[in-house]
Amino acid sequence: MRRYCAANRLNRLGTLTYAGKGCHDPRQARADAGEFFRTLRAELGGGALPYLWVPEWHPGGHGLHLHFAVGRYVKRGAIERAWGRGFVHIKLLGDLPTGSGRLEEARLAARYLGKYVTKDADQGWEGLHRYEVAQGFQPARVSITASTGREAIAQLTERMARPPDYVWWSSETQDWQGPPAVWVSWAA
């Protein structure tokens, strides 16, 4: 999910809320989301539209609402026409350090949406994915081949154009029971 958001620069977050008593059926919400994105794509001229959406149970028993990310400016009116079931909200992510760009904004969107994926994991999702993406926009697989962990980190550092912010080695963990492992991460 995070790679998809970053690769497609999905830096605008939106929320679709049902009017009235809301929607309490996850399958119906999925069907509504599919219709929304087909209609929105048509509103925007029918071209490519990468997106990611996540359902969330609304606090207070109102049912489901849908959070989504897109990577381009979309007029609120177009979103309202495409949704037609209640209320909409959309915003470009900001409040990032000076010099941050679309990639950093997309990573922030992924963190927000990731929180919704993990919420209410045991409430009505049986047999359903916790999020959906537009097909045909999956990020390319990146492989690194190295003889040692340090060699792999050197290649990753070159690819990322900066050293990692965090490195964890299994060899430095007392009582590690698994195969040798290293975890490397970069802050947004």
N, C-alpha and C. Protein backbone atom coordinates (compact mmCIF):
# COMPACT_ATOMS: atom_id res chain seq x y z
N MET A 1 0.82 -1.19 0.00
CA MET A 1 0.00 0.00 0.00
C MET A 1 0.87 1.26 0.00
N ARG A 2 1.89 1.25 0.85
CA ARG A 2 2.77 2.43 0.92
C ARG A 2 3.53 2.63 -0.40
N ARG A 3 4.02 1.54 -0.98
CA ARG A 3 4.73 1.65 -2.26
C ARG A 3 3.81 2.13 -3.36
N TYR A 4 2.56 1.67 -3.36
CA TYR A 4 1.59 2.08 -4.38
C TYR A 4 1.34 3.58 -4.29
N CYS A 5 1.08 4.07 -3.08
CA CYS A 5 0.85 5.52 -2.90
C CYS A 5 2.07 6.32 -3.36
N ALA A 6 3.25 5.90 -2.95
CA ALA A 6 4.46 6.64 -3.30
C ALA A 6 4.72 6.59 -4.80
N ALA A 7 4.63 5.41 -5.40
CA ALA A 7 4.92 5.27 -6.83
C ALA A 7 3.98 6.09 -7.69
N ASN A 8 2.73 6.24 -7.25
CA ASN A 8 1.73 6.97 -8.02
C ASN A 8 1.51 8.40 -7.52
N ARG A 9 2.32 8.82 -6.55
CA ARG A 9 2.27 10.18 -6.00
C ARG A 9 0.85 10.56 -5.58
N LEU A 10 0.20 9.65 -4.84
CA LEU A 10 -1.16 9.90 -4.36
C LEU A 10 -1.08 10.82 -3.14
N ASN A 11 -1.19 12.11 -3.38
CA ASN A 11 -0.92 13.10 -2.34
C ASN A 11 -2.14 13.91 -1.92
N ARG A 12 -3.31 13.52 -2.37
CA ARG A 12 -4.55 14.19 -1.96
C ARG A 12 -5.44 13.18 -1.28
N LEU A 13 -5.88 13.51 -0.07
CA LEU A 13 -6.74 12.62 0.71
C LEU A 13 -8.17 13.10 0.66
N GLY A 14 -9.08 12.16 0.49
CA GLY A 14 -10.49 12.48 0.48
C GLY A 14 -11.26 11.54 1.39
N THR A 15 -12.46 11.97 1.77
CA THR A 15 -13.36 11.14 2.57
C THR A 15 -14.75 11.22 1.94
N LEU A 16 -15.38 10.08 1.82
CA LEU A 16 -16.75 9.97 1.31
C LEU A 16 -17.62 9.45 2.45
N THR A 17 -18.61 10.24 2.83
CA THR A 17 -19.50 9.88 3.94
C THR A 17 -20.91 9.71 3.42
N TYR A 18 -21.61 8.74 3.92
CA TYR A 18 -23.01 8.52 3.54
C TYR A 18 -23.92 9.47 4.30
N ALA A 19 -24.95 9.94 3.62
CA ALA A 19 -25.97 10.77 4.26
C ALA A 19 -26.95 9.85 5.01
N GLY A 20 -27.82 10.45 5.79
CA GLY A 20 -28.87 9.69 6.48
C GLY A 20 -28.31 8.72 7.49
N LYS A 21 -28.84 7.50 7.46
CA LYS A 21 -28.44 6.47 8.43
C LYS A 21 -27.13 5.79 8.06
N GLY A 22 -26.58 6.14 6.90
CA GLY A 22 -25.29 5.59 6.50
C GLY A 22 -25.42 4.23 5.85
N CYS A 23 -24.27 3.61 5.60
CA CYS A 23 -24.19 2.28 5.01
C CYS A 23 -23.52 1.36 6.02
N HIS A 24 -24.17 0.25 6.32
CA HIS A 24 -23.65 -0.70 7.31
C HIS A 24 -23.25 -2.03 6.68
N ASP A 25 -23.22 -2.08 5.37
CA ASP A 25 -22.89 -3.30 4.63
C ASP A 25 -21.57 -3.11 3.88
N PRO A 26 -20.49 -3.77 4.32
CA PRO A 26 -19.20 -3.60 3.65
C PRO A 26 -19.23 -3.94 2.16
N ARG A 27 -20.02 -4.91 1.77
CA ARG A 27 -20.09 -5.26 0.34
C ARG A 27 -20.78 -4.15 -0.46
N GLN A 28 -21.80 -3.54 0.11
CA GLN A 28 -22.46 -2.43 -0.56
C GLN A 28 -21.51 -1.24 -0.67
N ALA A 29 -20.76 -0.98 0.39
CA ALA A 29 -19.79 0.13 0.36
C ALA A 29 -18.76 -0.10 -0.75
N ARG A 30 -18.33 -1.35 -0.93
CA ARG A 30 -17.37 -1.67 -1.98
C ARG A 30 -17.98 -1.42 -3.36
N ALA A 31 -19.22 -1.83 -3.53
CA ALA A 31 -19.89 -1.59 -4.81
C ALA A 31 -20.02 -0.09 -5.06
N ASP A 32 -20.37 0.66 -4.02
CA ASP A 32 -20.50 2.11 -4.15
C ASP A 32 -19.16 2.76 -4.49
N ALA A 33 -18.08 2.27 -3.87
CA ALA A 33 -16.75 2.81 -4.16
C ALA A 33 -16.38 2.53 -5.61
N GLY A 34 -16.65 1.33 -6.10
CA GLY A 34 -16.36 1.01 -7.49
C GLY A 34 -17.11 1.93 -8.45
N GLU A 35 -18.40 2.15 -8.17
CA GLU A 35 -19.19 3.05 -9.01
C GLU A 35 -18.67 4.47 -8.92
N PHE A 36 -18.28 4.90 -7.70
CA PHE A 36 -17.73 6.25 -7.52
C PHE A 36 -16.50 6.46 -8.39
N PHE A 37 -15.56 5.53 -8.36
CA PHE A 37 -14.32 5.73 -9.12
C PHE A 37 -14.55 5.62 -10.63
N ARG A 38 -15.46 4.77 -11.07
CA ARG A 38 -15.79 4.72 -12.51
C ARG A 38 -16.41 6.06 -12.94
N THR A 39 -17.32 6.58 -12.12
CA THR A 39 -17.98 7.85 -12.45
C THR A 39 -16.99 9.00 -12.40
N LEU A 40 -16.13 9.02 -11.37
CA LEU A 40 -15.14 10.09 -11.25
C LEU A 40 -14.19 10.08 -12.44
N ARG A 41 -13.74 8.89 -12.84
CA ARG A 41 -12.84 8.81 -13.99
C ARG A 41 -13.53 9.36 -15.24
N ALA A 42 -14.80 9.06 -15.41
CA ALA A 42 -15.55 9.59 -16.56
C ALA A 42 -15.68 11.11 -16.45
N GLU A 43 -15.94 11.62 -15.23
CA GLU A 43 -16.03 13.08 -14.99
C GLU A 43 -14.75 13.78 -15.40
N LEU A 44 -13.63 13.08 -15.23
CA LEU A 44 -12.31 13.67 -15.50
C LEU A 44 -11.84 13.40 -16.93
N GLY A 45 -12.71 12.89 -17.77
CA GLY A 45 -12.36 12.69 -19.17
C GLY A 45 -12.02 11.27 -19.56
N GLY A 46 -12.07 10.34 -18.61
CA GLY A 46 -11.87 8.94 -18.93
C GLY A 46 -10.43 8.47 -18.93
N GLY A 47 -9.48 9.33 -18.62
CA GLY A 47 -8.07 8.94 -18.62
C GLY A 47 -7.67 8.14 -17.39
N ALA A 48 -6.41 7.85 -17.33
CA ALA A 48 -5.86 7.08 -16.21
C ALA A 48 -6.08 7.81 -14.89
N LEU A 49 -6.44 7.05 -13.87
CA LEU A 49 -6.67 7.63 -12.54
C LEU A 49 -6.24 6.64 -11.47
N PRO A 50 -4.96 6.66 -11.09
CA PRO A 50 -4.58 5.80 -9.97
C PRO A 50 -5.22 6.31 -8.69
N TYR A 51 -5.66 5.38 -7.86
CA TYR A 51 -6.27 5.72 -6.58
C TYR A 51 -6.12 4.56 -5.62
N LEU A 52 -6.34 4.83 -4.37
CA LEU A 52 -6.38 3.81 -3.33
C LEU A 52 -7.48 4.22 -2.37
N TRP A 53 -8.30 3.27 -1.92
CA TRP A 53 -9.34 3.61 -0.95
C TRP A 53 -9.40 2.56 0.16
N VAL A 54 -9.87 3.03 1.32
CA VAL A 54 -9.95 2.21 2.53
C VAL A 54 -11.29 2.51 3.21
N PRO A 55 -12.07 1.48 3.55
CA PRO A 55 -13.29 1.73 4.33
C PRO A 55 -12.97 1.85 5.82
N GLU A 56 -13.79 2.58 6.53
CA GLU A 56 -13.63 2.69 7.99
C GLU A 56 -15.02 2.78 8.62
N TRP A 57 -15.19 2.08 9.74
CA TRP A 57 -16.43 2.21 10.49
C TRP A 57 -16.44 3.57 11.17
N HIS A 58 -17.51 4.29 10.97
CA HIS A 58 -17.65 5.64 11.53
C HIS A 58 -17.93 5.53 13.02
N PRO A 59 -17.24 6.31 13.84
CA PRO A 59 -17.53 6.28 15.28
C PRO A 59 -18.97 6.72 15.53
N GLY A 60 -19.59 6.14 16.51
CA GLY A 60 -20.96 6.54 16.85
C GLY A 60 -22.03 5.76 16.12
N GLY A 61 -21.64 4.72 15.35
CA GLY A 61 -22.63 3.85 14.74
C GLY A 61 -23.23 4.31 13.45
N HIS A 62 -22.67 5.31 12.78
CA HIS A 62 -23.23 5.81 11.52
C HIS A 62 -22.92 4.90 10.33
N GLY A 63 -22.18 3.86 10.55
CA GLY A 63 -21.84 2.95 9.46
C GLY A 63 -20.47 3.24 8.90
N LEU A 64 -20.33 2.99 7.62
CA LEU A 64 -19.03 3.11 6.97
C LEU A 64 -18.86 4.46 6.29
N HIS A 65 -17.63 4.90 6.23
CA HIS A 65 -17.24 5.96 5.30
C HIS A 65 -15.96 5.50 4.63
N LEU A 66 -15.61 6.14 3.53
CA LEU A 66 -14.49 5.70 2.71
C LEU A 66 -13.44 6.79 2.63
N HIS A 67 -12.20 6.42 2.89
CA HIS A 67 -11.07 7.34 2.74
C HIS A 67 -10.36 6.95 1.45
N PHE A 68 -9.91 7.94 0.69
CA PHE A 68 -9.23 7.63 -0.56
C PHE A 68 -8.10 8.63 -0.81
N ALA A 69 -7.21 8.23 -1.70
CA ALA A 69 -6.12 9.11 -2.13
C ALA A 69 -6.06 9.08 -3.65
N VAL A 70 -5.82 10.25 -4.22
CA VAL A 70 -5.57 10.41 -5.65
C VAL A 70 -4.33 11.28 -5.80
N GLY A 71 -3.77 11.31 -6.99
CA GLY A 71 -2.53 12.05 -7.19
C GLY A 71 -2.66 13.26 -8.08
N ARG A 72 -3.85 13.81 -8.18
CA ARG A 72 -4.03 14.99 -9.01
C ARG A 72 -5.15 15.84 -8.43
N TYR A 73 -5.17 17.09 -8.86
CA TYR A 73 -6.23 18.00 -8.43
C TYR A 73 -7.56 17.54 -9.04
N VAL A 74 -8.57 17.44 -8.20
CA VAL A 74 -9.92 17.11 -8.65
C VAL A 74 -10.86 18.10 -7.98
N LYS A 75 -11.66 18.78 -8.79
CA LYS A 75 -12.61 19.74 -8.23
C LYS A 75 -13.58 19.03 -7.31
N ARG A 76 -13.86 19.70 -6.20
CA ARG A 76 -14.80 19.15 -5.22
C ARG A 76 -16.14 18.82 -5.88
N GLY A 77 -16.60 19.68 -6.79
CA GLY A 77 -17.87 19.45 -7.47
C GLY A 77 -17.88 18.14 -8.24
N ALA A 78 -16.76 17.79 -8.86
CA ALA A 78 -16.68 16.52 -9.58
C ALA A 78 -16.79 15.35 -8.62
N ILE A 79 -16.17 15.47 -7.47
CA ILE A 79 -16.24 14.41 -6.45
C ILE A 79 -17.68 14.29 -5.93
N GLU A 80 -18.31 15.43 -5.67
CA GLU A 80 -19.70 15.41 -5.19
C GLU A 80 -20.63 14.76 -6.21
N ARG A 81 -20.47 15.09 -7.49
CA ARG A 81 -21.32 14.50 -8.53
C ARG A 81 -21.08 12.99 -8.63
N ALA A 82 -19.83 12.59 -8.55
CA ALA A 82 -19.50 11.17 -8.67
C ALA A 82 -19.99 10.38 -7.46
N TRP A 83 -19.94 10.97 -6.27
CA TRP A 83 -20.35 10.25 -5.06
C TRP A 83 -21.87 10.24 -4.94
N GLY A 84 -22.49 11.37 -4.84
CA GLY A 84 -23.94 11.47 -4.83
C GLY A 84 -24.67 10.75 -3.72
N ARG A 85 -23.97 10.33 -2.68
CA ARG A 85 -24.59 9.58 -1.60
C ARG A 85 -24.48 10.29 -0.25
N GLY A 86 -23.90 11.47 -0.26
CA GLY A 86 -23.70 12.17 1.00
C GLY A 86 -22.66 13.25 0.89
N PHE A 87 -21.73 13.25 1.83
CA PHE A 87 -20.78 14.35 1.99
C PHE A 87 -19.39 13.94 1.49
N VAL A 88 -18.64 14.93 1.02
CA VAL A 88 -17.28 14.67 0.53
C VAL A 88 -16.31 15.68 1.14
N HIS A 89 -15.08 15.27 1.26
CA HIS A 89 -14.00 16.15 1.70
C HIS A 89 -12.76 15.75 0.94
N ILE A 90 -11.97 16.71 0.50
CA ILE A 90 -10.72 16.44 -0.20
C ILE A 90 -9.71 17.51 0.17
N LYS A 91 -8.44 17.10 0.34
CA LYS A 91 -7.41 18.09 0.64
C LYS A 91 -6.05 17.61 0.14
N LEU A 92 -5.23 18.58 -0.24
CA LEU A 92 -3.83 18.32 -0.56
C LEU A 92 -3.08 18.28 0.76
N LEU A 93 -2.25 17.29 0.93
CA LEU A 93 -1.50 17.18 2.18
C LEU A 93 -0.42 18.24 2.24
N GLY A 94 -0.34 18.90 3.34
CA GLY A 94 0.66 19.94 3.54
C GLY A 94 1.33 19.76 4.89
N ASP A 95 1.74 20.86 5.47
CA ASP A 95 2.40 20.85 6.78
C ASP A 95 3.63 19.95 6.80
N LEU A 96 4.35 19.91 5.70
CA LEU A 96 5.59 19.17 5.62
C LEU A 96 6.75 20.16 5.58
N PRO A 97 7.96 19.70 5.86
CA PRO A 97 9.10 20.61 5.83
C PRO A 97 9.26 21.29 4.47
N THR A 98 9.81 22.48 4.49
CA THR A 98 10.09 23.21 3.26
C THR A 98 10.94 22.35 2.34
N GLY A 99 10.58 22.33 1.08
CA GLY A 99 11.31 21.53 0.11
C GLY A 99 10.71 20.15 -0.11
N SER A 100 9.75 19.77 0.73
CA SER A 100 9.08 18.48 0.53
C SER A 100 8.30 18.53 -0.76
N GLY A 101 8.20 17.42 -1.43
CA GLY A 101 7.49 17.38 -2.70
C GLY A 101 6.37 16.35 -2.69
N ARG A 102 5.94 15.99 -3.88
CA ARG A 102 4.82 15.07 -4.03
C ARG A 102 5.12 13.70 -3.43
N LEU A 103 6.37 13.24 -3.51
CA LEU A 103 6.71 11.94 -2.94
C LEU A 103 6.50 11.95 -1.43
N GLU A 104 6.99 12.97 -0.75
CA GLU A 104 6.81 13.06 0.70
C GLU A 104 5.33 13.18 1.06
N GLU A 105 4.58 13.94 0.26
CA GLU A 105 3.13 14.06 0.49
C GLU A 105 2.44 12.70 0.32
N ALA A 106 2.85 11.94 -0.70
CA ALA A 106 2.26 10.62 -0.93
C ALA A 106 2.61 9.66 0.19
N ARG A 107 3.82 9.74 0.70
CA ARG A 107 4.18 8.88 1.83
C ARG A 107 3.35 9.21 3.06
N LEU A 108 3.06 10.51 3.26
CA LEU A 108 2.21 10.91 4.37
C LEU A 108 0.79 10.37 4.17
N ALA A 109 0.27 10.44 2.95
CA ALA A 109 -1.06 9.88 2.66
C ALA A 109 -1.08 8.39 2.97
N ALA A 110 -0.03 7.68 2.60
CA ALA A 110 0.04 6.24 2.87
C ALA A 110 0.02 5.95 4.36
N ARG A 111 0.70 6.78 5.15
CA ARG A 111 0.67 6.57 6.61
C ARG A 111 -0.74 6.77 7.16
N TYR A 112 -1.42 7.82 6.70
CA TYR A 112 -2.81 8.04 7.14
C TYR A 112 -3.69 6.85 6.77
N LEU A 113 -3.63 6.44 5.52
CA LEU A 113 -4.49 5.36 5.06
C LEU A 113 -4.13 4.04 5.74
N GLY A 114 -2.85 3.86 6.02
CA GLY A 114 -2.42 2.65 6.72
C GLY A 114 -3.05 2.50 8.09
N LYS A 115 -3.27 3.62 8.77
CA LYS A 115 -3.94 3.57 10.07
C LYS A 115 -5.36 3.03 9.93
N TYR A 116 -6.06 3.44 8.88
CA TYR A 116 -7.44 2.98 8.69
C TYR A 116 -7.50 1.50 8.35
N VAL A 117 -6.49 1.00 7.64
CA VAL A 117 -6.47 -0.42 7.29
C VAL A 117 -6.42 -1.29 8.54
N THR A 118 -5.70 -0.84 9.55
CA THR A 118 -5.52 -1.65 10.75
C THR A 118 -6.66 -1.49 11.75
N LYS A 119 -7.47 -0.43 11.62
CA LYS A 119 -8.57 -0.23 12.55
C LYS A 119 -9.70 -1.22 12.28
N ASP A 120 -10.37 -1.65 13.31
CA ASP A 120 -11.58 -2.47 13.19
C ASP A 120 -11.35 -3.71 12.33
N ALA A 121 -10.18 -4.31 12.45
CA ALA A 121 -9.82 -5.44 11.59
C ALA A 121 -10.75 -6.63 11.77
N ASP A 122 -11.47 -6.70 12.87
CA ASP A 122 -12.32 -7.85 13.15
C ASP A 122 -13.81 -7.55 12.98
N GLN A 123 -14.16 -6.49 12.27
CA GLN A 123 -15.56 -6.07 12.20
C GLN A 123 -16.11 -6.08 10.78
N GLY A 124 -16.53 -7.23 10.32
CA GLY A 124 -17.29 -7.31 9.08
C GLY A 124 -16.50 -7.39 7.79
N TRP A 125 -15.21 -7.71 7.85
CA TRP A 125 -14.41 -7.73 6.62
C TRP A 125 -14.17 -9.14 6.11
N GLU A 126 -14.84 -10.13 6.67
CA GLU A 126 -14.58 -11.52 6.28
C GLU A 126 -14.66 -11.68 4.77
N GLY A 127 -13.59 -12.19 4.19
CA GLY A 127 -13.54 -12.44 2.76
C GLY A 127 -13.32 -11.20 1.90
N LEU A 128 -13.07 -10.06 2.52
CA LEU A 128 -12.89 -8.81 1.77
C LEU A 128 -11.50 -8.25 2.01
N HIS A 129 -10.95 -7.60 1.00
CA HIS A 129 -9.69 -6.89 1.19
C HIS A 129 -9.94 -5.67 2.05
N ARG A 130 -8.94 -5.24 2.78
CA ARG A 130 -9.07 -4.06 3.64
C ARG A 130 -8.82 -2.77 2.88
N TYR A 131 -8.31 -2.85 1.67
CA TYR A 131 -8.16 -1.66 0.83
C TYR A 131 -8.17 -2.11 -0.63
N GLU A 132 -8.41 -1.17 -1.52
CA GLU A 132 -8.42 -1.47 -2.95
C GLU A 132 -7.64 -0.39 -3.69
N VAL A 133 -7.10 -0.77 -4.83
CA VAL A 133 -6.35 0.16 -5.67
C VAL A 133 -6.85 0.07 -7.11
N ALA A 134 -6.60 1.12 -7.87
CA ALA A 134 -6.87 1.08 -9.30
C ALA A 134 -5.88 0.10 -9.94
N GLN A 135 -6.37 -0.73 -10.83
CA GLN A 135 -5.52 -1.73 -11.46
C GLN A 135 -4.67 -1.09 -12.57
N GLY A 136 -3.49 -1.66 -12.76
CA GLY A 136 -2.61 -1.19 -13.82
C GLY A 136 -1.59 -0.16 -13.40
N PHE A 137 -1.52 0.15 -12.11
CA PHE A 137 -0.60 1.17 -11.63
C PHE A 137 0.35 0.64 -10.56
N GLN A 138 0.48 -0.69 -10.47
CA GLN A 138 1.33 -1.27 -9.44
C GLN A 138 2.78 -0.85 -9.66
N PRO A 139 3.48 -0.53 -8.57
CA PRO A 139 4.88 -0.12 -8.72
C PRO A 139 5.74 -1.29 -9.20
N ALA A 140 6.80 -0.93 -9.89
CA ALA A 140 7.73 -1.94 -10.38
C ALA A 140 8.47 -2.58 -9.21
N ARG A 141 8.72 -3.86 -9.33
CA ARG A 141 9.48 -4.57 -8.32
C ARG A 141 10.94 -4.17 -8.41
N VAL A 142 11.56 -3.94 -7.27
CA VAL A 142 12.97 -3.57 -7.22
C VAL A 142 13.71 -4.67 -6.47
N SER A 143 14.73 -5.22 -7.08
CA SER A 143 15.53 -6.28 -6.44
C SER A 143 16.96 -5.80 -6.24
N ILE A 144 17.51 -6.14 -5.12
CA ILE A 144 18.90 -5.86 -4.80
C ILE A 144 19.56 -7.21 -4.52
N THR A 145 20.67 -7.48 -5.18
CA THR A 145 21.41 -8.71 -4.95
C THR A 145 22.77 -8.35 -4.38
N ALA A 146 23.11 -8.96 -3.26
CA ALA A 146 24.38 -8.65 -2.60
C ALA A 146 24.87 -9.88 -1.86
N SER A 147 26.17 -9.92 -1.60
CA SER A 147 26.77 -11.04 -0.87
C SER A 147 26.69 -10.85 0.64
N THR A 148 26.61 -9.59 1.07
CA THR A 148 26.56 -9.31 2.51
C THR A 148 25.50 -8.25 2.78
N GLY A 149 25.09 -8.17 4.02
CA GLY A 149 24.14 -7.13 4.42
C GLY A 149 24.70 -5.74 4.19
N ARG A 150 25.98 -5.55 4.49
CA ARG A 150 26.60 -4.24 4.31
C ARG A 150 26.65 -3.85 2.82
N GLU A 151 26.89 -4.83 1.96
CA GLU A 151 26.90 -4.56 0.53
C GLU A 151 25.48 -4.17 0.06
N ALA A 152 24.46 -4.86 0.57
CA ALA A 152 23.08 -4.53 0.22
C ALA A 152 22.73 -3.12 0.69
N ILE A 153 23.14 -2.77 1.90
CA ILE A 153 22.86 -1.43 2.43
C ILE A 153 23.57 -0.37 1.58
N ALA A 154 24.78 -0.67 1.12
CA ALA A 154 25.50 0.28 0.26
C ALA A 154 24.74 0.50 -1.05
N GLN A 155 24.22 -0.57 -1.64
CA GLN A 155 23.44 -0.43 -2.88
C GLN A 155 22.15 0.35 -2.64
N LEU A 156 21.49 0.06 -1.53
CA LEU A 156 20.25 0.77 -1.20
C LEU A 156 20.52 2.25 -0.94
N THR A 157 21.61 2.53 -0.26
CA THR A 157 21.98 3.92 0.02
C THR A 157 22.19 4.68 -1.29
N GLU A 158 22.85 4.03 -2.24
CA GLU A 158 23.05 4.67 -3.55
C GLU A 158 21.71 4.89 -4.24
N ARG A 159 20.85 3.89 -4.23
CA ARG A 159 19.54 4.01 -4.88
C ARG A 159 18.68 5.10 -4.24
N MET A 160 18.71 5.19 -2.91
CA MET A 160 17.91 6.18 -2.19
C MET A 160 18.58 7.55 -2.13
N ALA A 161 19.83 7.63 -2.52
CA ALA A 161 20.61 8.87 -2.55
C ALA A 161 20.84 9.45 -1.16
N ARG A 162 20.77 8.61 -0.15
CA ARG A 162 21.10 9.03 1.22
C ARG A 162 21.14 7.79 2.10
N PRO A 163 21.89 7.87 3.19
CA PRO A 163 21.98 6.71 4.07
C PRO A 163 20.65 6.47 4.80
N PRO A 164 20.42 5.24 5.25
CA PRO A 164 19.18 4.95 5.97
C PRO A 164 19.14 5.68 7.31
N ASP A 165 17.92 5.93 7.78
CA ASP A 165 17.74 6.55 9.08
C ASP A 165 17.78 5.52 10.21
N TYR A 166 17.51 4.27 9.87
CA TYR A 166 17.50 3.23 10.89
C TYR A 166 17.99 1.92 10.28
N VAL A 167 18.87 1.23 11.00
CA VAL A 167 19.35 -0.08 10.58
C VAL A 167 19.30 -1.00 11.79
N TRP A 168 18.70 -2.16 11.62
CA TRP A 168 18.63 -3.18 12.67
C TRP A 168 19.25 -4.46 12.15
N TRP A 169 20.15 -5.05 12.94
CA TRP A 169 20.82 -6.30 12.59
C TRP A 169 20.39 -7.40 13.56
N SER A 170 19.99 -8.54 13.03
CA SER A 170 19.64 -9.67 13.90
C SER A 170 20.85 -10.13 14.70
N SER A 171 22.03 -9.98 14.13
CA SER A 171 23.25 -10.41 14.82
C SER A 171 23.52 -9.60 16.09
N GLU A 172 22.88 -8.44 16.20
CA GLU A 172 23.06 -7.61 17.39
C GLU A 172 21.94 -7.80 18.40
N THR A 173 21.06 -8.76 18.13
CA THR A 173 19.93 -9.04 19.02
C THR A 173 20.19 -10.34 19.76
N GLN A 174 20.25 -10.24 21.07
CA GLN A 174 20.51 -11.41 21.90
C GLN A 174 19.38 -12.42 21.74
N ASP A 175 19.72 -13.68 21.63
CA ASP A 175 18.76 -14.78 21.53
C ASP A 175 17.94 -14.76 20.23
N TRP A 176 18.44 -14.16 19.16
CA TRP A 176 17.74 -14.18 17.87
C TRP A 176 17.66 -15.63 17.40
N GLN A 177 16.46 -16.10 17.04
CA GLN A 177 16.24 -17.50 16.66
C GLN A 177 16.08 -17.70 15.15
N GLY A 178 15.87 -16.65 14.39
CA GLY A 178 15.62 -16.79 12.95
C GLY A 178 16.90 -16.75 12.14
N PRO A 179 16.75 -16.78 10.82
CA PRO A 179 17.92 -16.67 9.95
C PRO A 179 18.50 -15.26 10.04
N PRO A 180 19.74 -15.05 9.60
CA PRO A 180 20.31 -13.71 9.64
C PRO A 180 19.41 -12.72 8.89
N ALA A 181 19.19 -11.56 9.49
CA ALA A 181 18.29 -10.57 8.90
C ALA A 181 18.78 -9.16 9.20
N VAL A 182 18.39 -8.24 8.32
CA VAL A 182 18.68 -6.83 8.53
C VAL A 182 17.44 -6.05 8.11
N TRP A 183 17.12 -5.02 8.88
CA TRP A 183 15.98 -4.15 8.57
C TRP A 183 16.54 -2.74 8.35
N VAL A 184 16.19 -2.12 7.23
CA VAL A 184 16.68 -0.79 6.90
C VAL A 184 15.48 0.08 6.55
N SER A 185 15.44 1.31 7.10
CA SER A 185 14.32 2.19 6.76
C SER A 185 14.80 3.63 6.64
N TRP A 186 14.03 4.36 5.86
CA TRP A 186 14.27 5.79 5.64
C TRP A 186 13.03 6.55 6.09
N ALA A 187 13.22 7.61 6.85
CA ALA A 187 12.09 8.45 7.26
C ALA A 187 11.56 9.17 6.03
N ALA A 188 10.33 9.63 6.13
CA ALA A 188 9.71 10.33 4.99
C ALA A 188 10.45 11.58 4.60
